[in-house]
Amino acid sequence: MHEGQASILVIDDTPGNLSLLNQLLRTHYRVKLANSGPRGLELAALAPPDLILLDIMMPEMDGYEVLERLKADPATRRIPVIFLTAKSGADDEEHGLAMGAVDFIHKPIAPSVVLARVRTHLQIRNWQTFLEDKSAWLQKEVEARVREVSRLQEATIQVMVSLAEFRDECTGNHIRRTQAYVRLLAEYLSRQPRDAAFLTLEQIDRIAKASPLHDIGKIAIPDHILLKPGKHTPEEFAIMKTHSVKGEGMLQQSLREMGGDNAMLAFACQIARSHHERWDGSGYPDGLAGEAIPLAARLMSVADVYDALRSRRPYKKEFSHAEAVALIVEGQGSQFDPLLVEAFLAQEAAFCEIATKLAGE
């Protein structure tokens, strides 16, 4: 806004003051005049000016009430208001400034003072507008860069998931189903007192996005063990179990390279390491028990086991949904978090639908 283009609204019930201020200001600014508070509010609402000169002592509606109404209206609340007053008490100025006025001009009006005060406050408004616009632009730039970084991080994570899919044909199908199961379980727990505070929509989304990385450590398992068509020997199974620690190590390295501040990858680390832990402490790799097992890993455990039961392997048959449900229930309180089994039972029909829908993918 250039000063010569600025608009000023003068609100005063005295014709002589209106005439004087109009003659003084119109050379430099676009001036509108109002001879009462209600008329001034009407003009301000129709075309908000850049600055308002407002008399305090007016009949029908005084300047304080006009200012209060201006500040209550989102369209006019940011317009700087300078009070015109014959009062000289400090209490009056303190009251006006507390209400939101930016300055006082005392009557009788001194033209040089009026021009100086108006010029100063229009310059301040210009700078405020510039800084607000600059701040808004910077905020958009920051948000755009954050989105860009987030997309790059997600792309990196997707590459890691693709590596797991490439190594193990079953893993690609398994990933999509288990991600859907994890989200279902987390959404149910978010409505329960125990986990409601933790499982916000944002946290659920992070956990669900992290879940495909649960078996990323399998890319470090030798092919002759990972792809073995039959049952593993105890020695082979011991090597197979290392995928949880190896997976966490890979993800921790990625987390460090991304600056250590990525909540989704932090969840992925928990899931990769601990999704084979058991509620009773007999799982691996750390023998964690109960709520010492990260919630994200407990969610993954139920999803992972259900999907494994429903999937055909060279060394085992595919279990029916009913058989899988029975085995999950059997593990309540020993293998699985009891509340998570309740969540599973509440949504078993949705699990069955996902298993059927994504079976051929």
Protein backbone atom coordinates (compact mmCIF):
# COMPACT_ATOMS: atom_id res chain seq x y z
CA MET A 1 0.00 0.00 0.00
CA HIS A 2 1.55 3.35 -1.09
CA GLU A 3 0.85 6.28 1.26
CA GLY A 4 -0.78 8.32 -1.52
CA GLN A 5 -3.30 5.55 -2.09
CA ALA A 6 -4.24 5.14 1.57
CA SER A 7 -7.84 5.68 2.62
CA ILE A 8 -8.81 7.40 5.86
CA LEU A 9 -12.21 7.41 7.52
CA VAL A 10 -12.95 10.38 9.81
CA ILE A 11 -15.78 9.93 12.32
CA ASP A 12 -16.76 13.10 14.18
CA ASP A 13 -20.12 14.69 14.98
CA THR A 14 -18.78 18.26 14.65
CA PRO A 15 -19.09 19.64 11.08
CA GLY A 16 -16.18 22.02 11.61
CA ASN A 17 -13.83 19.20 12.57
CA LEU A 18 -14.94 17.09 9.61
CA SER A 19 -14.33 20.01 7.23
CA LEU A 20 -10.93 20.82 8.71
CA LEU A 21 -9.69 17.24 8.60
CA ASN A 22 -11.05 16.71 5.10
CA GLN A 23 -9.18 19.77 3.77
CA LEU A 24 -6.02 18.73 5.63
CA LEU A 25 -5.92 15.12 4.50
CA ARG A 26 -7.48 14.99 1.04
CA THR A 27 -4.33 16.26 -0.67
CA HIS A 28 -2.46 13.13 0.48
CA TYR A 29 -5.16 10.51 1.02
CA ARG A 30 -8.58 9.30 -0.01
CA VAL A 31 -10.89 10.61 2.71
CA LYS A 32 -14.37 9.48 3.78
CA LEU A 33 -16.41 11.37 6.36
CA ALA A 34 -19.03 10.16 8.85
CA ASN A 35 -20.91 12.45 11.23
CA SER A 36 -21.95 9.72 13.68
CA GLY A 37 -20.77 6.43 15.13
CA PRO A 38 -23.38 4.28 13.32
CA ARG A 39 -22.58 5.93 9.97
CA GLY A 40 -18.88 5.39 10.56
CA LEU A 41 -19.42 1.68 11.25
CA GLU A 42 -21.48 1.40 8.09
CA LEU A 43 -18.77 2.99 5.93
CA ALA A 44 -16.02 0.91 7.58
CA ALA A 45 -17.92 -2.30 6.89
CA LEU A 46 -18.64 -1.40 3.25
CA ALA A 47 -15.02 -0.53 2.41
CA PRO A 48 -12.54 -0.98 5.27
CA PRO A 49 -10.18 2.01 5.31
CA ASP A 50 -6.47 1.93 6.06
CA LEU A 51 -6.85 4.14 9.13
CA ILE A 52 -9.66 5.69 11.19
CA LEU A 53 -9.70 9.03 13.03
CA LEU A 54 -12.42 8.69 15.66
CA ASP A 55 -13.91 11.30 17.95
CA ILE A 56 -14.63 10.06 21.47
CA MET A 57 -17.42 12.40 22.61
CA MET A 58 -20.37 11.89 20.27
CA PRO A 59 -24.11 11.60 20.93
CA GLU A 60 -26.02 8.35 20.28
CA MET A 61 -22.81 6.25 20.17
CA ASP A 62 -19.52 7.46 21.61
CA GLY A 63 -16.07 6.63 20.26
CA TYR A 64 -15.41 3.90 22.81
CA GLU A 65 -18.49 1.96 21.67
CA VAL A 66 -17.58 2.47 18.01
CA LEU A 67 -14.08 1.11 18.68
CA GLU A 68 -15.49 -1.86 20.57
CA ARG A 69 -17.70 -2.73 17.61
CA LEU A 70 -14.86 -2.26 15.13
CA LYS A 71 -12.69 -4.67 17.13
CA ALA A 72 -15.52 -7.22 17.33
CA ASP A 73 -15.84 -7.41 13.53
CA PRO A 74 -13.17 -9.58 11.80
CA ALA A 75 -13.36 -7.31 8.74
CA THR A 76 -12.43 -4.16 10.69
CA ARG A 77 -10.63 -5.30 13.85
CA ARG A 78 -7.14 -4.78 12.39
CA ILE A 79 -7.72 -1.20 11.19
CA PRO A 80 -5.59 1.24 13.25
CA VAL A 81 -7.76 3.76 15.10
CA ILE A 82 -6.55 7.15 16.38
CA PHE A 83 -8.82 8.83 18.90
CA LEU A 84 -9.65 12.52 18.59
CA THR A 85 -10.42 13.97 22.00
CA ALA A 86 -10.72 17.15 24.02
CA LYS A 87 -10.00 15.12 27.14
CA SER A 88 -6.46 15.32 28.48
CA GLY A 89 -6.56 12.86 31.37
CA ALA A 90 -4.11 9.95 31.46
CA ASP A 91 -6.92 7.61 32.51
CA ASP A 92 -8.84 8.33 29.30
CA GLU A 93 -5.79 7.56 27.16
CA GLU A 94 -5.02 4.42 29.13
CA HIS A 95 -8.62 3.24 28.67
CA GLY A 96 -8.57 3.92 24.94
CA LEU A 97 -5.22 2.24 24.37
CA ALA A 98 -6.37 -0.80 26.36
CA MET A 99 -9.38 -1.07 24.04
CA GLY A 100 -7.11 -1.15 21.00
CA ALA A 101 -6.60 2.44 19.86
CA VAL A 102 -3.11 3.09 18.50
CA ASP A 103 -2.80 6.78 19.42
CA PHE A 104 -4.54 9.96 20.63
CA ILE A 105 -4.74 13.39 18.97
CA HIS A 106 -5.88 16.15 21.29
CA LYS A 107 -8.19 18.97 20.34
CA PRO A 108 -7.94 21.68 19.25
CA ILE A 109 -6.45 19.95 16.25
CA ALA A 110 -2.92 20.94 15.21
CA PRO A 111 -2.55 20.17 11.47
CA SER A 112 1.14 19.27 11.67
CA VAL A 113 0.48 16.83 14.51
CA VAL A 114 -2.39 15.19 12.62
CA LEU A 115 -0.30 14.73 9.46
CA ALA A 116 2.67 13.38 11.40
CA ARG A 117 0.61 10.90 13.43
CA VAL A 118 -1.35 9.72 10.39
CA ARG A 119 1.84 9.29 8.34
CA THR A 120 3.54 7.36 11.16
CA HIS A 121 0.70 4.94 11.74
CA LEU A 122 0.19 4.31 8.04
CA GLN A 123 3.90 3.46 7.76
CA ILE A 124 3.58 1.12 10.72
CA ARG A 125 0.57 -0.51 9.06
CA ASN A 126 2.54 -0.89 5.83
CA TRP A 127 5.34 -2.65 7.67
CA GLN A 128 2.92 -4.84 9.58
CA THR A 129 1.22 -5.86 6.34
CA PHE A 130 4.59 -6.53 4.70
CA LEU A 131 5.79 -8.62 7.64
CA GLU A 132 2.52 -10.56 7.80
CA ASP A 133 2.67 -11.28 4.07
CA LYS A 134 6.32 -12.28 4.37
CA SER A 135 5.55 -14.49 7.36
CA ALA A 136 2.69 -16.17 5.49
CA TRP A 137 4.96 -16.75 2.48
CA LEU A 138 7.72 -18.18 4.67
CA GLN A 139 5.21 -20.43 6.42
CA LYS A 140 4.04 -21.77 3.07
CA GLU A 141 7.65 -22.30 1.99
CA VAL A 142 8.43 -24.19 5.20
CA GLU A 143 5.32 -26.32 4.82
CA ALA A 144 6.22 -27.05 1.20
CA ARG A 145 9.77 -28.08 2.17
CA VAL A 146 8.46 -30.26 5.00
CA ARG A 147 6.09 -31.97 2.56
CA GLU A 148 8.96 -32.43 0.11
CA VAL A 149 11.19 -33.97 2.78
CA SER A 150 8.32 -36.17 3.93
CA ARG A 151 7.73 -37.38 0.37
CA LEU A 152 11.43 -38.16 -0.04
CA GLN A 153 11.47 -40.04 3.25
CA GLU A 154 8.38 -42.02 2.31
CA ALA A 155 9.88 -42.78 -1.09
CA THR A 156 13.04 -44.04 0.62
CA ILE A 157 10.96 -46.21 2.92
CA GLN A 158 9.00 -47.56 -0.04
CA VAL A 159 12.25 -48.56 -1.71
CA MET A 160 13.17 -50.46 1.44
CA VAL A 161 9.78 -52.20 1.44
CA SER A 162 10.24 -53.07 -2.24
CA LEU A 163 13.55 -54.73 -1.40
CA ALA A 164 11.75 -57.02 1.03
CA GLU A 165 9.10 -57.80 -1.59
CA PHE A 166 11.77 -58.60 -4.15
CA ARG A 167 13.51 -61.05 -1.81
CA ASP A 168 10.37 -62.89 -0.71
CA GLU A 169 7.36 -63.24 -3.00
CA CYS A 170 5.06 -63.87 -0.05
CA THR A 171 6.18 -60.73 1.70
CA GLY A 172 4.64 -58.33 -0.83
CA ASN A 173 1.17 -59.79 -0.35
CA HIS A 174 1.69 -60.04 3.38
CA ILE A 175 2.71 -56.38 3.70
CA ARG A 176 -0.50 -54.92 2.28
CA ARG A 177 -2.75 -57.12 4.37
CA THR A 178 -0.90 -56.64 7.64
CA GLN A 179 -0.85 -52.89 7.18
CA ALA A 180 -4.63 -52.92 6.90
CA TYR A 181 -4.92 -55.16 9.97
CA VAL A 182 -2.66 -52.90 12.04
CA ARG A 183 -4.74 -49.85 11.19
CA LEU A 184 -7.97 -51.64 12.13
CA LEU A 185 -6.60 -52.72 15.49
CA ALA A 186 -5.10 -49.30 16.28
CA GLU A 187 -8.34 -47.51 15.44
CA TYR A 188 -10.24 -49.82 17.79
CA LEU A 189 -7.74 -49.31 20.64
CA SER A 190 -7.90 -45.53 20.14
CA ARG A 191 -11.46 -45.70 21.44
CA GLN A 192 -10.46 -47.63 24.59
CA PRO A 193 -9.37 -45.86 27.82
CA ARG A 194 -5.97 -47.55 28.06
CA ASP A 195 -4.57 -46.34 24.73
CA ALA A 196 -6.85 -43.47 23.69
CA ALA A 197 -4.42 -40.71 24.71
CA PHE A 198 -1.51 -42.26 22.80
CA LEU A 199 -3.28 -43.43 19.66
CA THR A 200 -4.16 -40.14 18.03
CA LEU A 201 -5.09 -40.15 14.34
CA GLU A 202 -1.57 -38.93 13.55
CA GLN A 203 0.06 -41.70 15.58
CA ILE A 204 -2.18 -44.35 14.02
CA ASP A 205 -1.19 -43.15 10.56
CA ARG A 206 2.51 -43.27 11.47
CA ILE A 207 2.25 -46.78 12.89
CA ALA A 208 0.31 -48.02 9.86
CA LYS A 209 2.87 -46.49 7.48
CA ALA A 210 5.70 -48.02 9.52
CA SER A 211 4.21 -51.51 9.62
CA PRO A 212 5.34 -52.61 6.11
CA LEU A 213 8.93 -52.44 7.36
CA HIS A 214 8.42 -55.09 10.06
CA ASP A 215 10.28 -57.78 8.09
CA ILE A 216 12.85 -55.54 6.39
CA GLY A 217 15.58 -57.52 8.17
CA LYS A 218 14.78 -60.53 6.00
CA ILE A 219 16.82 -59.01 3.19
CA ALA A 220 19.88 -59.88 5.33
CA ILE A 221 18.89 -63.56 5.62
CA PRO A 222 20.61 -65.93 3.15
CA ASP A 223 18.41 -67.10 0.29
CA HIS A 224 18.80 -70.78 1.11
CA ILE A 225 17.18 -70.12 4.48
CA LEU A 226 14.72 -67.36 3.60
CA LEU A 227 13.36 -69.15 0.54
CA LYS A 228 13.60 -72.71 1.85
CA PRO A 229 10.44 -74.57 0.80
CA GLY A 230 10.38 -76.81 3.87
CA LYS A 231 10.54 -76.36 7.60
CA HIS A 232 13.71 -74.79 9.03
CA THR A 233 16.17 -76.71 11.14
CA PRO A 234 16.85 -75.31 14.65
CA GLU A 235 20.08 -73.77 13.36
CA GLU A 236 18.32 -72.22 10.37
CA PHE A 237 15.52 -70.94 12.56
CA ALA A 238 18.08 -69.30 14.86
CA ILE A 239 19.47 -67.44 11.85
CA MET A 240 15.96 -66.60 10.65
CA LYS A 241 15.16 -65.02 14.02
CA THR A 242 18.00 -62.55 13.61
CA HIS A 243 15.92 -60.67 11.03
CA SER A 244 14.28 -58.66 13.83
CA VAL A 245 17.55 -57.26 15.18
CA LYS A 246 19.03 -56.84 11.70
CA GLY A 247 15.91 -55.01 10.57
CA GLU A 248 16.04 -52.63 13.50
CA GLY A 249 19.73 -51.96 12.78
CA MET A 250 18.98 -51.01 9.18
CA LEU A 251 16.16 -48.73 10.24
CA GLN A 252 18.21 -47.10 13.00
CA GLN A 253 20.87 -46.30 10.41
CA SER A 254 18.23 -44.74 8.15
CA LEU A 255 16.84 -42.81 11.11
CA ARG A 256 20.27 -41.37 11.89
CA GLU A 257 20.81 -40.40 8.27
CA MET A 258 17.47 -38.59 8.29
CA GLY A 259 18.51 -36.56 11.31
CA GLY A 260 17.03 -38.80 13.99
CA ASP A 261 13.69 -36.98 13.93
CA ASN A 262 11.22 -39.15 12.09
CA ALA A 263 8.39 -40.55 14.20
CA MET A 264 7.33 -43.05 11.54
CA LEU A 265 10.82 -44.57 11.32
CA ALA A 266 11.04 -44.63 15.12
CA PHE A 267 7.88 -46.76 15.16
CA ALA A 268 9.33 -48.91 12.38
CA CYS A 269 12.38 -49.60 14.57
CA GLN A 270 10.13 -50.73 17.43
CA ILE A 271 8.04 -52.92 15.16
CA ALA A 272 10.98 -54.54 13.37
CA ARG A 273 12.73 -55.47 16.61
CA SER A 274 9.81 -56.44 18.83
CA HIS A 275 6.97 -57.85 16.72
CA HIS A 276 8.00 -61.41 17.71
CA GLU A 277 7.92 -60.66 21.44
CA ARG A 278 5.19 -62.41 23.43
CA TRP A 279 2.94 -61.01 26.17
CA ASP A 280 4.22 -63.64 28.64
CA GLY A 281 7.89 -62.78 27.97
CA SER A 282 8.80 -65.93 26.02
CA GLY A 283 9.33 -64.22 22.66
CA TYR A 284 12.44 -62.85 20.95
CA PRO A 285 14.88 -61.11 20.68
CA ASP A 286 14.71 -59.47 24.16
CA GLY A 287 12.17 -61.54 26.11
CA LEU A 288 10.03 -58.46 26.80
CA ALA A 289 6.70 -59.01 28.55
CA GLY A 290 3.38 -57.17 28.87
CA GLU A 291 3.34 -53.46 28.27
CA ALA A 292 7.14 -53.39 28.12
CA ILE A 293 6.61 -54.51 24.52
CA PRO A 294 6.03 -51.35 22.43
CA LEU A 295 2.36 -50.98 21.47
CA ALA A 296 3.21 -50.68 17.78
CA ALA A 297 4.96 -54.08 17.96
CA ARG A 298 2.02 -55.64 19.82
CA LEU A 299 -0.31 -54.44 17.07
CA MET A 300 1.99 -55.93 14.44
CA SER A 301 2.20 -59.24 16.30
CA VAL A 302 -1.53 -59.95 16.03
CA ALA A 303 -1.66 -58.79 12.41
CA ASP A 304 1.43 -60.83 11.49
CA VAL A 305 0.25 -64.06 13.10
CA TYR A 306 -3.27 -63.85 11.70
CA ASP A 307 -1.89 -63.33 8.22
CA ALA A 308 0.63 -66.17 8.58
CA LEU A 309 -2.16 -68.52 9.68
CA ARG A 310 -4.33 -67.57 6.71
CA SER A 311 -1.48 -67.96 4.20
CA ARG A 312 -0.37 -71.18 2.52
CA ARG A 313 3.29 -72.10 2.87
CA PRO A 314 5.24 -75.02 1.35
CA TYR A 315 5.52 -76.51 4.84
CA LYS A 316 1.93 -75.83 6.06
CA LYS A 317 -1.65 -75.55 4.91
CA GLU A 318 -3.76 -72.40 4.86
CA PHE A 319 -5.94 -72.11 7.97
CA SER A 320 -9.56 -71.04 7.68
CA HIS A 321 -10.68 -67.79 9.26
CA ALA A 322 -12.44 -69.67 12.06
CA GLU A 323 -9.32 -71.73 12.78
CA ALA A 324 -7.15 -68.59 12.81
CA VAL A 325 -9.57 -66.85 15.19
CA ALA A 326 -9.49 -69.82 17.55
CA LEU A 327 -5.68 -69.81 17.63
CA ILE A 328 -5.53 -66.05 18.25
CA VAL A 329 -7.98 -66.45 21.15
CA GLU A 330 -5.89 -69.31 22.48
CA GLY A 331 -2.91 -66.96 22.61
CA GLN A 332 -4.74 -64.27 24.59
CA GLY A 333 -2.68 -63.34 27.64
CA SER A 334 0.22 -65.61 26.66
CA GLN A 335 1.27 -64.63 23.16
CA PHE A 336 -0.89 -61.57 22.68
CA ASP A 337 -1.97 -58.46 24.58
CA PRO A 338 -5.41 -59.44 25.98
CA LEU A 339 -6.96 -56.10 24.98
CA LEU A 340 -5.66 -56.50 21.46
CA VAL A 341 -7.32 -59.89 21.18
CA GLU A 342 -10.57 -58.20 22.22
CA ALA A 343 -9.96 -55.64 19.48
CA PHE A 344 -9.34 -58.44 17.00
CA LEU A 345 -12.55 -60.27 17.97
CA ALA A 346 -14.55 -57.06 17.63
CA GLN A 347 -13.35 -56.73 14.03
CA GLU A 348 -12.77 -60.29 12.90
CA ALA A 349 -15.27 -59.91 10.08
CA ALA A 350 -13.22 -57.03 8.65
CA PHE A 351 -10.05 -59.14 8.98
CA CYS A 352 -11.70 -61.94 7.04
CA GLU A 353 -12.81 -59.53 4.32
CA ILE A 354 -9.30 -58.12 3.91
CA ALA A 355 -7.76 -61.59 3.81
CA THR A 356 -10.19 -62.63 1.08
CA LYS A 357 -9.96 -59.43 -0.94
CA LEU A 358 -6.14 -59.28 -0.97
CA ALA A 359 -5.51 -63.03 -1.14
CA GLY A 360 -4.65 -63.02 -4.83
CA GLU A 361 -2.51 -59.88 -4.82
